[in-house]
C-alpha atoms as a PDB file:
ATOM      1  CA  UNK A   1       0.118   0.065  -0.060  1.00  0.00           C
ATOM      2  CA  UNK A   2       1.459   3.328  -1.209  1.00  0.00           C
ATOM      3  CA  UNK A   3      -1.006   6.048  -0.203  1.00  0.00           C
ATOM      4  CA  UNK A   4      -3.485   6.786   2.575  1.00  0.00           C
ATOM      5  CA  UNK A   5      -6.669   8.900   1.744  1.00  0.00           C
ATOM      6  CA  UNK A   6      -8.728  10.192   4.605  1.00  0.00           C
ATOM      7  CA  UNK A   7     -12.213  11.507   4.044  1.00  0.00           C
ATOM      8  CA  UNK A   8     -13.213  13.683   6.740  1.00  0.00           C
ATOM      9  CA  UNK A   9     -16.821  14.168   6.667  1.00  0.00           C
ATOM     10  CA  UNK A  10     -16.912  17.004   9.216  1.00  0.00           C
ATOM     11  CA  UNK A  11     -20.470  17.655  10.142  1.00  0.00           C
ATOM     12  CA  UNK A  12     -21.920  16.040   7.073  1.00  0.00           C
ATOM     13  CA  UNK A  13     -24.250  14.249   6.237  1.00  0.00           C
ATOM     14  CA  UNK A  14     -27.284  15.162   8.496  1.00  0.00           C
ATOM     15  CA  UNK A  15     -28.969  11.853   8.795  1.00  0.00           C
ATOM     16  CA  UNK A  16     -27.972   8.309   9.360  1.00  0.00           C
ATOM     17  CA  UNK A  17     -29.686   7.003   6.241  1.00  0.00           C
ATOM     18  CA  UNK A  18     -27.488   9.765   4.292  1.00  0.00           C
ATOM     19  CA  UNK A  19     -24.527   8.559   6.145  1.00  0.00           C
ATOM     20  CA  UNK A  20     -25.031   4.936   5.376  1.00  0.00           C
ATOM     21  CA  UNK A  21     -25.486   5.538   1.707  1.00  0.00           C
ATOM     22  CA  UNK A  22     -22.418   7.572   1.381  1.00  0.00           C
ATOM     23  CA  UNK A  23     -20.396   5.170   3.444  1.00  0.00           C
ATOM     24  CA  UNK A  24     -21.301   2.286   1.276  1.00  0.00           C
ATOM     25  CA  UNK A  25     -20.657   4.314  -1.845  1.00  0.00           C
ATOM     26  CA  UNK A  26     -17.236   5.450  -0.611  1.00  0.00           C
ATOM     27  CA  UNK A  27     -16.382   1.851   0.288  1.00  0.00           C
ATOM     28  CA  UNK A  28     -17.473   0.526  -3.099  1.00  0.00           C
ATOM     29  CA  UNK A  29     -15.184   3.111  -4.732  1.00  0.00           C
ATOM     30  CA  UNK A  30     -12.246   2.469  -2.502  1.00  0.00           C
ATOM     31  CA  UNK A  31     -12.246  -1.135  -3.198  1.00  0.00           C
ATOM     32  CA  UNK A  32     -11.224  -0.415  -6.721  1.00  0.00           C
ATOM     33  CA  UNK A  33      -7.763   0.922  -5.657  1.00  0.00           C
ATOM     34  CA  UNK A  34      -5.713  -1.742  -4.333  1.00  0.00           C
ATOM     35  CA  UNK A  35      -2.494   0.441  -3.615  1.00  0.00           C
ATOM     36  CA  UNK A  36      -4.553   3.112  -1.588  1.00  0.00           C
ATOM     37  CA  UNK A  37      -5.842   2.809   1.859  1.00  0.00           C
ATOM     38  CA  UNK A  38      -9.022   4.820   2.359  1.00  0.00           C
ATOM     39  CA  UNK A  39     -10.063   5.877   5.903  1.00  0.00           C
ATOM     40  CA  UNK A  40     -13.575   7.507   6.270  1.00  0.00           C
ATOM     41  CA  UNK A  41     -14.045   9.742   9.266  1.00  0.00           C
ATOM     42  CA  UNK A  42     -17.767  10.410   9.823  1.00  0.00           C
ATOM     43  CA  UNK A  43     -19.234  12.461  12.394  1.00  0.00           C
ATOM     44  CA  UNK A  44     -19.145  10.440  15.877  1.00  0.00           C
ATOM     45  CA  UNK A  45     -23.012  10.034  15.985  1.00  0.00           C
ATOM     46  CA  UNK A  46     -22.672   7.862  13.106  1.00  0.00           C
ATOM     47  CA  UNK A  47     -19.580   5.596  14.062  1.00  0.00           C
ATOM     48  CA  UNK A  48     -21.429   2.860  15.698  1.00  0.00           C
ATOM     49  CA  UNK A  49     -24.048   2.246  12.897  1.00  0.00           C
ATOM     50  CA  UNK A  50     -21.226   2.605  10.258  1.00  0.00           C
ATOM     51  CA  UNK A  51     -19.097   0.108  12.004  1.00  0.00           C
ATOM     52  CA  UNK A  52     -21.746  -2.555  11.411  1.00  0.00           C
ATOM     53  CA  UNK A  53     -21.404  -1.958   7.799  1.00  0.00           C
ATOM     54  CA  UNK A  54     -17.736  -2.335   7.555  1.00  0.00           C
ATOM     55  CA  UNK A  55     -14.958  -1.460  10.281  1.00  0.00           C
ATOM     56  CA  UNK A  56     -12.100  -1.625   7.830  1.00  0.00           C
ATOM     57  CA  UNK A  57     -12.451   1.767   6.450  1.00  0.00           C
ATOM     58  CA  UNK A  58     -13.629   3.520   9.606  1.00  0.00           C
ATOM     59  CA  UNK A  59     -11.665   6.371  11.103  1.00  0.00           C
ATOM     60  CA  UNK A  60     -12.605   9.192  13.792  1.00  0.00           C
ATOM     61  CA  UNK A  61     -12.412  12.879  13.849  1.00  0.00           C
ATOM     62  CA  UNK A  62     -10.939  12.757  17.347  1.00  0.00           C
ATOM     63  CA  UNK A  63      -9.605  10.582  19.986  1.00  0.00           C
ATOM     64  CA  UNK A  64     -11.588  11.744  23.043  1.00  0.00           C
ATOM     65  CA  UNK A  65     -13.567   8.622  23.201  1.00  0.00           C
ATOM     66  CA  UNK A  66     -10.593   6.109  22.571  1.00  0.00           C
ATOM     67  CA  UNK A  67     -11.832   3.190  24.189  1.00  0.00           C
ATOM     68  CA  UNK A  68     -15.108   3.354  22.371  1.00  0.00           C
ATOM     69  CA  UNK A  69     -13.130   3.780  18.962  1.00  0.00           C
ATOM     70  CA  UNK A  70     -11.414   0.473  19.635  1.00  0.00           C
ATOM     71  CA  UNK A  71     -14.951  -1.207  19.950  1.00  0.00           C
ATOM     72  CA  UNK A  72     -16.049   0.207  16.747  1.00  0.00           C
ATOM     73  CA  UNK A  73     -12.823  -1.111  15.013  1.00  0.00           C
ATOM     74  CA  UNK A  74     -11.605   2.474  14.131  1.00  0.00           C
ATOM     75  CA  UNK A  75      -8.064   2.064  12.660  1.00  0.00           C
ATOM     76  CA  UNK A  76      -7.152   5.952  12.346  1.00  0.00           C
ATOM     77  CA  UNK A  77      -7.972   8.912  14.121  1.00  0.00           C
ATOM     78  CA  UNK A  78      -7.369  12.810  13.155  1.00  0.00           C
ATOM     79  CA  UNK A  79      -5.517  14.594  15.760  1.00  0.00           C
ATOM     80  CA  UNK A  80      -4.678  18.210  15.483  1.00  0.00           C
ATOM     81  CA  UNK A  81      -7.059  19.023  12.712  1.00  0.00           C
ATOM     82  CA  UNK A  82      -7.291  22.548  11.759  1.00  0.00           C
ATOM     83  CA  UNK A  83     -11.112  22.750  12.619  1.00  0.00           C
ATOM     84  CA  UNK A  84     -10.313  21.758  16.278  1.00  0.00           C
ATOM     85  CA  UNK A  85      -7.438  23.980  16.492  1.00  0.00           C
ATOM     86  CA  UNK A  86      -9.114  27.135  15.235  1.00  0.00           C
ATOM     87  CA  UNK A  87     -12.595  26.359  15.958  1.00  0.00           C
ATOM     88  CA  UNK A  88     -12.363  24.748  19.484  1.00  0.00           C
ATOM     89  CA  UNK A  89      -8.877  26.512  20.345  1.00  0.00           C
ATOM     90  CA  UNK A  90      -6.913  23.261  20.588  1.00  0.00           C
ATOM     91  CA  UNK A  91      -3.297  24.140  21.169  1.00  0.00           C
ATOM     92  CA  UNK A  92      -0.079  22.205  20.434  1.00  0.00           C
ATOM     93  CA  UNK A  93      -0.136  21.317  23.953  1.00  0.00           C
ATOM     94  CA  UNK A  94      -3.579  19.737  23.878  1.00  0.00           C
ATOM     95  CA  UNK A  95      -2.624  17.931  20.761  1.00  0.00           C
ATOM     96  CA  UNK A  96       0.590  16.626  22.257  1.00  0.00           C
ATOM     97  CA  UNK A  97      -1.214  15.261  25.214  1.00  0.00           C
ATOM     98  CA  UNK A  98      -3.812  13.510  23.026  1.00  0.00           C
ATOM     99  CA  UNK A  99      -1.034  11.665  21.196  1.00  0.00           C
ATOM    100  CA  UNK A 100       0.771  10.640  24.382  1.00  0.00           C
ATOM    101  CA  UNK A 101      -2.377   9.557  26.308  1.00  0.00           C
END
């Protein structure tokens, strides 16, 4: 595997049904590229239901619920994303603590 593509959904989509449809579509598209690892990071509210579809593509937008993420089979987590830094004021110190914890 040469590349990783991370799809950060931010706050989209708005409903579970839309999330499930988009997730299935992205997984089907990702399966066509054998040398690319695709990680899909939906809003936290959809993680549990999307994990029931396919855990192998699932990532998370933050690590605050680390134990829960393990239960969902989450393989990757975004830490230090600009939305959290600028929107929520996460500092280098906060990001560093998340990496070490």
